[in-house]
Amino acid sequence: MTLSLRKDDTVIVIAGKEKGKTGKLLKFLTESNRVLVEKLNMVKKHTRPSKTNPQGGVIEKEASLHFSNLMYYCPKCTKGVRLGAKILKDGKKVRVCKKCGEVLDK
């Protein structure tokens, strides 16, 4: 699984029914190479009444997307970009946008 994407990164979907939409990475499901993206790939789940949800009914939640269908969304380029690595003068390794060269890790 790619290590270039991290939790709380803004990503853009490049394939599938949600193509072109952006959202924030919420969770990585490493065993299946999938991720959850905030407010994307929403599905309806029918639930029985329980202590946590006494009413029961239909809830909407995010379904997972395969990480290969995502790209990092660069705010400066305003599009999906590939990421590279760069070592700064102080020895810190940071991610950089391959298009504009902007340092993405603060």
PDB file of N, CA and C in Angstrom:
ATOM      1  N   MET A   1       0.845  -1.183   0.000  1.00  0.00           N
ATOM      2  CA  MET A   1       0.000   0.000   0.000  1.00  0.00           C
ATOM      3  C   MET A   1       0.884   1.239   0.000  1.00  0.00           C
ATOM      4  N   THR A   2       0.466   2.223  -0.720  1.00  0.00           N
ATOM      5  CA  THR A   2       1.260   3.441  -0.844  1.00  0.00           C
ATOM      6  C   THR A   2       1.339   4.183   0.487  1.00  0.00           C
ATOM      7  N   LEU A   3       2.499   4.699   0.783  1.00  0.00           N
ATOM      8  CA  LEU A   3       2.673   5.462   2.013  1.00  0.00           C
ATOM      9  C   LEU A   3       2.646   6.955   1.745  1.00  0.00           C
ATOM     10  N   SER A   4       2.406   7.342   0.494  1.00  0.00           N
ATOM     11  CA  SER A   4       2.414   8.761   0.176  1.00  0.00           C
ATOM     12  C   SER A   4       1.163   9.459   0.667  1.00  0.00           C
ATOM     13  N   LEU A   5       0.058   8.724   0.808  1.00  0.00           N
ATOM     14  CA  LEU A   5      -1.164   9.311   1.351  1.00  0.00           C
ATOM     15  C   LEU A   5      -1.222   9.052   2.845  1.00  0.00           C
ATOM     16  N   ARG A   6      -1.723  10.034   3.583  1.00  0.00           N
ATOM     17  CA  ARG A   6      -1.811   9.924   5.028  1.00  0.00           C
ATOM     18  C   ARG A   6      -3.187  10.365   5.498  1.00  0.00           C
ATOM     19  N   LYS A   7      -3.513  10.002   6.710  1.00  0.00           N
ATOM     20  CA  LYS A   7      -4.791  10.390   7.294  1.00  0.00           C
ATOM     21  C   LYS A   7      -4.905  11.912   7.299  1.00  0.00           C
ATOM     22  N   ASP A   8      -6.101  12.425   7.064  1.00  0.00           N
ATOM     23  CA  ASP A   8      -6.433  13.852   7.008  1.00  0.00           C
ATOM     24  C   ASP A   8      -5.923  14.557   5.754  1.00  0.00           C
ATOM     25  N   ASP A   9      -5.354  13.820   4.783  1.00  0.00           N
ATOM     26  CA  ASP A   9      -4.996  14.417   3.492  1.00  0.00           C
ATOM     27  C   ASP A   9      -6.259  14.665   2.677  1.00  0.00           C
ATOM     28  N   THR A  10      -6.232  15.700   1.848  1.00  0.00           N
ATOM     29  CA  THR A  10      -7.317  15.922   0.900  1.00  0.00           C
ATOM     30  C   THR A  10      -6.972  15.167  -0.373  1.00  0.00           C
ATOM     31  N   VAL A  11      -7.923  14.349  -0.845  1.00  0.00           N
ATOM     32  CA  VAL A  11      -7.690  13.529  -2.027  1.00  0.00           C
ATOM     33  C   VAL A  11      -8.795  13.769  -3.042  1.00  0.00           C
ATOM     34  N   ILE A  12      -8.507  13.428  -4.293  1.00  0.00           N
ATOM     35  CA  ILE A  12      -9.499  13.505  -5.364  1.00  0.00           C
ATOM     36  C   ILE A  12      -9.668  12.100  -5.935  1.00  0.00           C
ATOM     37  N   VAL A  13     -10.902  11.736  -6.256  1.00  0.00           N
ATOM     38  CA  VAL A  13     -11.195  10.415  -6.818  1.00  0.00           C
ATOM     39  C   VAL A  13     -10.962  10.482  -8.324  1.00  0.00           C
ATOM     40  N   ILE A  14     -10.192   9.531  -8.872  1.00  0.00           N
ATOM     41  CA  ILE A  14      -9.848   9.556 -10.296  1.00  0.00           C
ATOM     42  C   ILE A  14     -10.564   8.474 -11.090  1.00  0.00           C
ATOM     43  N   ALA A  15     -11.308   7.588 -10.417  1.00  0.00           N
ATOM     44  CA  ALA A  15     -12.027   6.523 -11.121  1.00  0.00           C
ATOM     45  C   ALA A  15     -13.246   6.106 -10.321  1.00  0.00           C
ATOM     46  N   GLY A  16     -14.270   5.621 -11.023  1.00  0.00           N
ATOM     47  CA  GLY A  16     -15.468   5.127 -10.363  1.00  0.00           C
ATOM     48  C   GLY A  16     -16.599   6.137 -10.400  1.00  0.00           C
ATOM     49  N   LYS A  17     -17.679   5.815  -9.691  1.00  0.00           N
ATOM     50  CA  LYS A  17     -18.875   6.657  -9.735  1.00  0.00           C
ATOM     51  C   LYS A  17     -18.685   8.003  -9.049  1.00  0.00           C
ATOM     52  N   GLU A  18     -17.699   8.126  -8.182  1.00  0.00           N
ATOM     53  CA  GLU A  18     -17.436   9.383  -7.468  1.00  0.00           C
ATOM     54  C   GLU A  18     -16.318  10.192  -8.130  1.00  0.00           C
ATOM     55  N   LYS A  19     -15.988   9.883  -9.381  1.00  0.00           N
ATOM     56  CA  LYS A  19     -14.867  10.514 -10.086  1.00  0.00           C
ATOM     57  C   LYS A  19     -14.993  12.036 -10.088  1.00  0.00           C
ATOM     58  N   GLY A  20     -13.873  12.712  -9.738  1.00  0.00           N
ATOM     59  CA  GLY A  20     -13.829  14.166  -9.746  1.00  0.00           C
ATOM     60  C   GLY A  20     -14.149  14.810  -8.414  1.00  0.00           C
ATOM     61  N   LYS A  21     -14.641  14.043  -7.441  1.00  0.00           N
ATOM     62  CA  LYS A  21     -14.999  14.603  -6.140  1.00  0.00           C
ATOM     63  C   LYS A  21     -13.802  14.560  -5.203  1.00  0.00           C
ATOM     64  N   THR A  22     -13.759  15.498  -4.272  1.00  0.00           N
ATOM     65  CA  THR A  22     -12.672  15.561  -3.308  1.00  0.00           C
ATOM     66  C   THR A  22     -13.206  15.346  -1.903  1.00  0.00           C
ATOM     67  N   GLY A  23     -12.332  14.904  -1.019  1.00  0.00           N
ATOM     68  CA  GLY A  23     -12.697  14.696   0.368  1.00  0.00           C
ATOM     69  C   GLY A  23     -11.461  14.433   1.207  1.00  0.00           C
ATOM     70  N   LYS A  24     -11.678  14.316   2.521  1.00  0.00           N
ATOM     71  CA  LYS A  24     -10.588  14.112   3.467  1.00  0.00           C
ATOM     72  C   LYS A  24     -10.500  12.633   3.823  1.00  0.00           C
ATOM     73  N   LEU A  25      -9.278  12.093   3.865  1.00  0.00           N
ATOM     74  CA  LEU A  25      -9.081  10.696   4.241  1.00  0.00           C
ATOM     75  C   LEU A  25      -9.396  10.523   5.722  1.00  0.00           C
ATOM     76  N   LEU A  26     -10.262   9.562   6.022  1.00  0.00           N
ATOM     77  CA  LEU A  26     -10.643   9.313   7.403  1.00  0.00           C
ATOM     78  C   LEU A  26      -9.906   8.130   8.011  1.00  0.00           C
ATOM     79  N   LYS A  27      -9.804   7.035   7.237  1.00  0.00           N
ATOM     80  CA  LYS A  27      -9.282   5.800   7.806  1.00  0.00           C
ATOM     81  C   LYS A  27      -8.694   4.927   6.712  1.00  0.00           C
ATOM     82  N   PHE A  28      -7.612   4.218   7.050  1.00  0.00           N
ATOM     83  CA  PHE A  28      -7.001   3.248   6.148  1.00  0.00           C
ATOM     84  C   PHE A  28      -7.398   1.843   6.579  1.00  0.00           C
ATOM     85  N   LEU A  29      -7.809   1.020   5.619  1.00  0.00           N
ATOM     86  CA  LEU A  29      -8.083  -0.391   5.869  1.00  0.00           C
ATOM     87  C   LEU A  29      -6.971  -1.174   5.173  1.00  0.00           C
ATOM     88  N   THR A  30      -5.851  -1.350   5.855  1.00  0.00           N
ATOM     89  CA  THR A  30      -4.621  -1.822   5.229  1.00  0.00           C
ATOM     90  C   THR A  30      -4.712  -3.250   4.708  1.00  0.00           C
ATOM     91  N   GLU A  31      -5.479  -4.111   5.373  1.00  0.00           N
ATOM     92  CA  GLU A  31      -5.537  -5.506   4.932  1.00  0.00           C
ATOM     93  C   GLU A  31      -6.206  -5.653   3.565  1.00  0.00           C
ATOM     94  N   SER A  32      -7.074  -4.703   3.203  1.00  0.00           N
ATOM     95  CA  SER A  32      -7.758  -4.786   1.912  1.00  0.00           C
ATOM     96  C   SER A  32      -7.356  -3.661   0.951  1.00  0.00           C
ATOM     97  N   ASN A  33      -6.343  -2.868   1.299  1.00  0.00           N
ATOM     98  CA  ASN A  33      -5.849  -1.756   0.469  1.00  0.00           C
ATOM     99  C   ASN A  33      -6.950  -0.762   0.121  1.00  0.00           C
ATOM    100  N   ARG A  34      -7.802  -0.467   1.087  1.00  0.00           N
ATOM    101  CA  ARG A  34      -8.916   0.442   0.868  1.00  0.00           C
ATOM    102  C   ARG A  34      -8.874   1.566   1.896  1.00  0.00           C
ATOM    103  N   VAL A  35      -9.570   2.661   1.587  1.00  0.00           N
ATOM    104  CA  VAL A  35      -9.623   3.808   2.492  1.00  0.00           C
ATOM    105  C   VAL A  35     -11.059   4.317   2.590  1.00  0.00           C
ATOM    106  N   LEU A  36     -11.332   5.039   3.677  1.00  0.00           N
ATOM    107  CA  LEU A  36     -12.606   5.736   3.836  1.00  0.00           C
ATOM    108  C   LEU A  36     -12.360   7.212   3.609  1.00  0.00           C
ATOM    109  N   VAL A  37     -13.191   7.827   2.766  1.00  0.00           N
ATOM    110  CA  VAL A  37     -13.063   9.249   2.459  1.00  0.00           C
ATOM    111  C   VAL A  37     -14.338   9.944   2.936  1.00  0.00           C
ATOM    112  N   GLU A  38     -14.168  11.070   3.605  1.00  0.00           N
ATOM    113  CA  GLU A  38     -15.286  11.794   4.198  1.00  0.00           C
ATOM    114  C   GLU A  38     -16.313  12.201   3.141  1.00  0.00           C
ATOM    115  N   LYS A  39     -17.585  11.828   3.362  1.00  0.00           N
ATOM    116  CA  LYS A  39     -18.737  12.191   2.528  1.00  0.00           C
ATOM    117  C   LYS A  39     -18.656  11.676   1.089  1.00  0.00           C
ATOM    118  N   LEU A  40     -17.865  10.632   0.836  1.00  0.00           N
ATOM    119  CA  LEU A  40     -17.794  10.036  -0.502  1.00  0.00           C
ATOM    120  C   LEU A  40     -18.172   8.565  -0.431  1.00  0.00           C
ATOM    121  N   ASN A  41     -18.766   8.061  -1.501  1.00  0.00           N
ATOM    122  CA  ASN A  41     -19.179   6.668  -1.621  1.00  0.00           C
ATOM    123  C   ASN A  41     -20.147   6.287  -0.501  1.00  0.00           C
ATOM    124  N   MET A  42     -21.160   7.140  -0.308  1.00  0.00           N
ATOM    125  CA  MET A  42     -22.132   6.924   0.754  1.00  0.00           C
ATOM    126  C   MET A  42     -23.060   5.763   0.397  1.00  0.00           C
ATOM    127  N   VAL A  43     -23.325   4.900   1.375  1.00  0.00           N
ATOM    128  CA  VAL A  43     -24.242   3.773   1.212  1.00  0.00           C
ATOM    129  C   VAL A  43     -25.260   3.799   2.339  1.00  0.00           C
ATOM    130  N   LYS A  44     -26.414   3.211   2.085  1.00  0.00           N
ATOM    131  CA  LYS A  44     -27.449   3.108   3.103  1.00  0.00           C
ATOM    132  C   LYS A  44     -27.341   1.748   3.773  1.00  0.00           C
ATOM    133  N   LYS A  45     -27.384   1.752   5.116  1.00  0.00           N
ATOM    134  CA  LYS A  45     -27.310   0.511   5.869  1.00  0.00           C
ATOM    135  C   LYS A  45     -28.550   0.400   6.740  1.00  0.00           C
ATOM    136  N   HIS A  46     -29.250  -0.718   6.628  1.00  0.00           N
ATOM    137  CA  HIS A  46     -30.455  -0.951   7.428  1.00  0.00           C
ATOM    138  C   HIS A  46     -30.032  -1.560   8.758  1.00  0.00           C
ATOM    139  N   THR A  47     -30.452  -0.933   9.861  1.00  0.00           N
ATOM    140  CA  THR A  47     -30.036  -1.400  11.172  1.00  0.00           C
ATOM    141  C   THR A  47     -31.240  -1.778  12.013  1.00  0.00           C
ATOM    142  N   ARG A  48     -31.049  -2.783  12.860  1.00  0.00           N
ATOM    143  CA  ARG A  48     -32.072  -3.175  13.814  1.00  0.00           C
ATOM    144  C   ARG A  48     -31.971  -2.263  15.031  1.00  0.00           C
ATOM    145  N   PRO A  49     -33.023  -2.109  15.781  1.00  0.00           N
ATOM    146  CA  PRO A  49     -32.934  -1.339  17.025  1.00  0.00           C
ATOM    147  C   PRO A  49     -31.937  -1.979  17.995  1.00  0.00           C
ATOM    148  N   SER A  50     -31.132  -1.140  18.621  1.00  0.00           N
ATOM    149  CA  SER A  50     -30.135  -1.611  19.582  1.00  0.00           C
ATOM    150  C   SER A  50     -29.973  -0.539  20.651  1.00  0.00           C
ATOM    151  N   LYS A  51     -29.066  -0.789  21.604  1.00  0.00           N
ATOM    152  CA  LYS A  51     -28.853   0.213  22.657  1.00  0.00           C
ATOM    153  C   LYS A  51     -28.260   1.498  22.086  1.00  0.00           C
ATOM    154  N   THR A  52     -27.346   1.355  21.126  1.00  0.00           N
ATOM    155  CA  THR A  52     -26.724   2.549  20.549  1.00  0.00           C
ATOM    156  C   THR A  52     -27.661   3.278  19.598  1.00  0.00           C
ATOM    157  N   ASN A  53     -28.554   2.533  18.935  1.00  0.00           N
ATOM    158  CA  ASN A  53     -29.512   3.128  18.006  1.00  0.00           C
ATOM    159  C   ASN A  53     -30.897   2.546  18.315  1.00  0.00           C
ATOM    160  N   PRO A  54     -31.589   3.078  19.349  1.00  0.00           N
ATOM    161  CA  PRO A  54     -32.846   2.465  19.779  1.00  0.00           C
ATOM    162  C   PRO A  54     -33.955   2.545  18.742  1.00  0.00           C
ATOM    163  N   GLN A  55     -33.908   3.507  17.853  1.00  0.00           N
ATOM    164  CA  GLN A  55     -34.938   3.654  16.829  1.00  0.00           C
ATOM    165  C   GLN A  55     -34.759   2.643  15.705  1.00  0.00           C
ATOM    166  N   GLY A  56     -33.508   2.296  15.383  1.00  0.00           N
ATOM    167  CA  GLY A  56     -33.253   1.447  14.225  1.00  0.00           C
ATOM    168  C   GLY A  56     -33.454   2.252  12.952  1.00  0.00           C
ATOM    169  N   GLY A  57     -33.623   1.584  11.818  1.00  0.00           N
ATOM    170  CA  GLY A  57     -33.902   2.278  10.571  1.00  0.00           C
ATOM    171  C   GLY A  57     -32.728   2.269   9.624  1.00  0.00           C
ATOM    172  N   VAL A  58     -32.713   3.258   8.745  1.00  0.00           N
ATOM    173  CA  VAL A  58     -31.708   3.331   7.696  1.00  0.00           C
ATOM    174  C   VAL A  58     -30.710   4.433   8.047  1.00  0.00           C
ATOM    175  N   ILE A  59     -29.417   4.078   8.074  1.00  0.00           N
ATOM    176  CA  ILE A  59     -28.376   5.088   8.306  1.00  0.00           C
ATOM    177  C   ILE A  59     -27.498   5.154   7.069  1.00  0.00           C
ATOM    178  N   GLU A  60     -26.923   6.333   6.828  1.00  0.00           N
ATOM    179  CA  GLU A  60     -25.986   6.499   5.708  1.00  0.00           C
ATOM    180  C   GLU A  60     -24.578   6.575   6.261  1.00  0.00           C
ATOM    181  N   LYS A  61     -23.662   5.849   5.632  1.00  0.00           N
ATOM    182  CA  LYS A  61     -22.269   5.888   6.054  1.00  0.00           C
ATOM    183  C   LYS A  61     -21.367   5.738   4.840  1.00  0.00           C
ATOM    184  N   GLU A  62     -20.087   6.064   5.041  1.00  0.00           N
ATOM    185  CA  GLU A  62     -19.121   5.973   3.956  1.00  0.00           C
ATOM    186  C   GLU A  62     -18.726   4.521   3.724  1.00  0.00           C
ATOM    187  N   ALA A  63     -18.685   4.123   2.471  1.00  0.00           N
ATOM    188  CA  ALA A  63     -18.144   2.815   2.104  1.00  0.00           C
ATOM    189  C   ALA A  63     -16.695   3.039   1.643  1.00  0.00           C
ATOM    190  N   SER A  64     -15.916   1.982   1.651  1.00  0.00           N
ATOM    191  CA  SER A  64     -14.499   2.125   1.329  1.00  0.00           C
ATOM    192  C   SER A  64     -14.276   2.240  -0.178  1.00  0.00           C
ATOM    193  N   LEU A  65     -13.177   2.890  -0.529  1.00  0.00           N
ATOM    194  CA  LEU A  65     -12.710   3.009  -1.908  1.00  0.00           C
ATOM    195  C   LEU A  65     -11.319   2.395  -1.981  1.00  0.00           C
ATOM    196  N   HIS A  66     -10.971   1.809  -3.121  1.00  0.00           N
ATOM    197  CA  HIS A  66      -9.622   1.285  -3.278  1.00  0.00           C
ATOM    198  C   HIS A  66      -8.661   2.461  -3.413  1.00  0.00           C
ATOM    199  N   PHE A  67      -7.507   2.380  -2.732  1.00  0.00           N
ATOM    200  CA  PHE A  67      -6.596   3.528  -2.711  1.00  0.00           C
ATOM    201  C   PHE A  67      -6.027   3.857  -4.090  1.00  0.00           C
ATOM    202  N   SER A  68      -6.054   2.913  -5.049  1.00  0.00           N
ATOM    203  CA  SER A  68      -5.538   3.198  -6.386  1.00  0.00           C
ATOM    204  C   SER A  68      -6.451   4.146  -7.154  1.00  0.00           C
ATOM    205  N   ASN A  69      -7.677   4.345  -6.677  1.00  0.00           N
ATOM    206  CA  ASN A  69      -8.613   5.256  -7.330  1.00  0.00           C
ATOM    207  C   ASN A  69      -8.514   6.679  -6.780  1.00  0.00           C
ATOM    208  N   LEU A  70      -7.511   6.958  -5.968  1.00  0.00           N
ATOM    209  CA  LEU A  70      -7.347   8.275  -5.349  1.00  0.00           C
ATOM    210  C   LEU A  70      -6.012   8.887  -5.725  1.00  0.00           C
ATOM    211  N   MET A  71      -5.983  10.218  -5.752  1.00  0.00           N
ATOM    212  CA  MET A  71      -4.746  10.969  -5.905  1.00  0.00           C
ATOM    213  C   MET A  71      -4.754  12.089  -4.884  1.00  0.00           C
ATOM    214  N   TYR A  72      -3.574  12.507  -4.468  1.00  0.00           N
ATOM    215  CA  TYR A  72      -3.473  13.643  -3.561  1.00  0.00           C
ATOM    216  C   TYR A  72      -3.960  14.895  -4.284  1.00  0.00           C
ATOM    217  N   TYR A  73      -4.737  15.745  -3.607  1.00  0.00           N
ATOM    218  CA  TYR A  73      -5.256  16.977  -4.199  1.00  0.00           C
ATOM    219  C   TYR A  73      -4.382  18.134  -3.728  1.00  0.00           C
ATOM    220  N   CYS A  74      -3.634  18.729  -4.665  1.00  0.00           N
ATOM    221  CA  CYS A  74      -2.754  19.853  -4.347  1.00  0.00           C
ATOM    222  C   CYS A  74      -3.573  21.138  -4.368  1.00  0.00           C
ATOM    223  N   PRO A  75      -3.606  21.897  -3.260  1.00  0.00           N
ATOM    224  CA  PRO A  75      -4.396  23.137  -3.248  1.00  0.00           C
ATOM    225  C   PRO A  75      -3.832  24.220  -4.171  1.00  0.00           C
ATOM    226  N   LYS A  76      -2.532  24.199  -4.430  1.00  0.00           N
ATOM    227  CA  LYS A  76      -1.932  25.206  -5.300  1.00  0.00           C
ATOM    228  C   LYS A  76      -2.221  24.908  -6.776  1.00  0.00           C
ATOM    229  N   CYS A  77      -2.104  23.628  -7.168  1.00  0.00           N
ATOM    230  CA  CYS A  77      -2.375  23.233  -8.553  1.00  0.00           C
ATOM    231  C   CYS A  77      -3.873  23.074  -8.814  1.00  0.00           C
ATOM    232  N   THR A  78      -4.656  22.905  -7.774  1.00  0.00           N
ATOM    233  CA  THR A  78      -6.102  22.625  -7.812  1.00  0.00           C
ATOM    234  C   THR A  78      -6.446  21.421  -8.681  1.00  0.00           C
ATOM    235  N   LYS A  79      -5.636  20.368  -8.569  1.00  0.00           N
ATOM    236  CA  LYS A  79      -5.919  19.106  -9.246  1.00  0.00           C
ATOM    237  C   LYS A  79      -5.157  17.988  -8.563  1.00  0.00           C
ATOM    238  N   GLY A  80      -5.451  16.763  -8.979  1.00  0.00           N
ATOM    239  CA  GLY A  80      -4.760  15.618  -8.420  1.00  0.00           C
ATOM    240  C   GLY A  80      -3.332  15.547  -8.928  1.00  0.00           C
ATOM    241  N   VAL A  81      -2.398  15.263  -8.030  1.00  0.00           N
ATOM    242  CA  VAL A  81      -0.978  15.233  -8.404  1.00  0.00           C
ATOM    243  C   VAL A  81      -0.299  14.015  -7.786  1.00  0.00           C
ATOM    244  N   ARG A  82       0.837  13.661  -8.369  1.00  0.00           N
ATOM    245  CA  ARG A  82       1.690  12.647  -7.764  1.00  0.00           C
ATOM    246  C   ARG A  82       2.582  13.331  -6.741  1.00  0.00           C
ATOM    247  N   LEU A  83       3.051  12.547  -5.784  1.00  0.00           N
ATOM    248  CA  LEU A  83       3.878  13.098  -4.722  1.00  0.00           C
ATOM    249  C   LEU A  83       5.302  12.578  -4.829  1.00  0.00           C
ATOM    250  N   GLY A  84       6.240  13.432  -4.449  1.00  0.00           N
ATOM    251  CA  GLY A  84       7.634  13.048  -4.381  1.00  0.00           C
ATOM    252  C   GLY A  84       8.155  13.328  -2.984  1.00  0.00           C
ATOM    253  N   ALA A  85       9.362  12.908  -2.713  1.00  0.00           N
ATOM    254  CA  ALA A  85       9.984  13.131  -1.414  1.00  0.00           C
ATOM    255  C   ALA A  85      11.201  14.031  -1.584  1.00  0.00           C
ATOM    256  N   LYS A  86      11.449  14.830  -0.556  1.00  0.00           N
ATOM    257  CA  LYS A  86      12.579  15.749  -0.590  1.00  0.00           C
ATOM    258  C   LYS A  86      13.128  15.864   0.826  1.00  0.00           C
ATOM    259  N   ILE A  87      14.425  15.963   0.950  1.00  0.00           N
ATOM    260  CA  ILE A  87      15.044  16.137   2.265  1.00  0.00           C
ATOM    261  C   ILE A  87      15.460  17.591   2.403  1.00  0.00           C
ATOM    262  N   LEU A  88      14.955  18.240   3.430  1.00  0.00           N
ATOM    263  CA  LEU A  88      15.255  19.647   3.672  1.00  0.00           C
ATOM    264  C   LEU A  88      16.646  19.798   4.274  1.00  0.00           C
ATOM    265  N   LYS A  89      17.098  21.056   4.386  1.00  0.00           N
ATOM    266  CA  LYS A  89      18.443  21.323   4.911  1.00  0.00           C
ATOM    267  C   LYS A  89      18.610  20.854   6.355  1.00  0.00           C
ATOM    268  N   ASP A  90      17.510  20.887   7.120  1.00  0.00           N
ATOM    269  CA  ASP A  90      17.605  20.445   8.519  1.00  0.00           C
ATOM    270  C   ASP A  90      17.512  18.921   8.656  1.00  0.00           C
ATOM    271  N   GLY A  91      17.467  18.190   7.533  1.00  0.00           N
ATOM    272  CA  GLY A  91      17.455  16.740   7.545  1.00  0.00           C
ATOM    273  C   GLY A  91      16.066  16.126   7.600  1.00  0.00           C
ATOM    274  N   LYS A  92      15.029  16.940   7.596  1.00  0.00           N
ATOM    275  CA  LYS A  92      13.659  16.429   7.667  1.00  0.00           C
ATOM    276  C   LYS A  92      13.196  16.013   6.269  1.00  0.00           C
ATOM    277  N   LYS A  93      12.551  14.836   6.184  1.00  0.00           N
ATOM    278  CA  LYS A  93      12.030  14.341   4.915  1.00  0.00           C
ATOM    279  C   LYS A  93      10.583  14.779   4.777  1.00  0.00           C
ATOM    280  N   VAL A  94      10.253  15.443   3.660  1.00  0.00           N
ATOM    281  CA  VAL A  94       8.905  15.962   3.442  1.00  0.00           C
ATOM    282  C   VAL A  94       8.373  15.503   2.091  1.00  0.00           C
ATOM    283  N   ARG A  95       7.064  15.570   1.927  1.00  0.00           N
ATOM    284  CA  ARG A  95       6.420  15.261   0.647  1.00  0.00           C
ATOM    285  C   ARG A  95       6.301  16.545  -0.157  1.00  0.00           C
ATOM    286  N   VAL A  96       6.495  16.438  -1.477  1.00  0.00           N
ATOM    287  CA  VAL A  96       6.388  17.598  -2.357  1.00  0.00           C
ATOM    288  C   VAL A  96       5.502  17.247  -3.548  1.00  0.00           C
ATOM    289  N   CYS A  97       4.838  18.261  -4.097  1.00  0.00           N
ATOM    290  CA  CYS A  97       4.019  18.111  -5.288  1.00  0.00           C
ATOM    291  C   CYS A  97       4.949  17.986  -6.487  1.00  0.00           C
ATOM    292  N   LYS A  98       4.711  16.987  -7.342  1.00  0.00           N
ATOM    293  CA  LYS A  98       5.565  16.787  -8.513  1.00  0.00           C
ATOM    294  C   LYS A  98       5.334  17.847  -9.587  1.00  0.00           C
ATOM    295  N   LYS A  99       4.146  18.488  -9.594  1.00  0.00           N
ATOM    296  CA  LYS A  99       3.851  19.501 -10.611  1.00  0.00           C
ATOM    297  C   LYS A  99       4.457  20.854 -10.257  1.00  0.00           C
ATOM    298  N   CYS A 100       4.130  21.367  -9.056  1.00  0.00           N
ATOM    299  CA  CYS A 100       4.534  22.733  -8.714  1.00  0.00           C
ATOM    300  C   CYS A 100       5.715  22.773  -7.741  1.00  0.00           C
ATOM    301  N   GLY A 101       6.086  21.643  -7.156  1.00  0.00           N
ATOM    302  CA  GLY A 101       7.229  21.594  -6.237  1.00  0.00           C
ATOM    303  C   GLY A 101       6.942  22.097  -4.844  1.00  0.00           C
ATOM    304  N   GLU A 102       5.680  22.370  -4.525  1.00  0.00           N
ATOM    305  CA  GLU A 102       5.332  22.886  -3.200  1.00  0.00           C
ATOM    306  C   GLU A 102       5.502  21.819  -2.133  1.00  0.00           C
ATOM    307  N   VAL A 103       6.059  22.232  -0.983  1.00  0.00           N
ATOM    308  CA  VAL A 103       6.219  21.322   0.159  1.00  0.00           C
ATOM    309  C   VAL A 103       4.856  21.154   0.816  1.00  0.00           C
ATOM    310  N   LEU A 104       4.427  19.893   0.990  1.00  0.00           N
ATOM    311  CA  LEU A 104       3.078  19.630   1.491  1.00  0.00           C
ATOM    312  C   LEU A 104       3.045  19.369   2.991  1.00  0.00           C
ATOM    313  N   ASP A 105       4.127  18.935   3.588  1.00  0.00           N
ATOM    314  CA  ASP A 105       4.183  18.689   5.033  1.00  0.00           C
ATOM    315  C   ASP A 105       4.708  19.936   5.727  1.00  0.00           C
ATOM    316  N   LYS A 106       3.964  20.376   6.706  1.00  0.00           N
ATOM    317  CA  LYS A 106       4.390  21.583   7.435  1.00  0.00           C
ATOM    318  C   LYS A 106       5.173  21.216   8.659  1.00  0.00           C
TER     319      LYS A 106
END
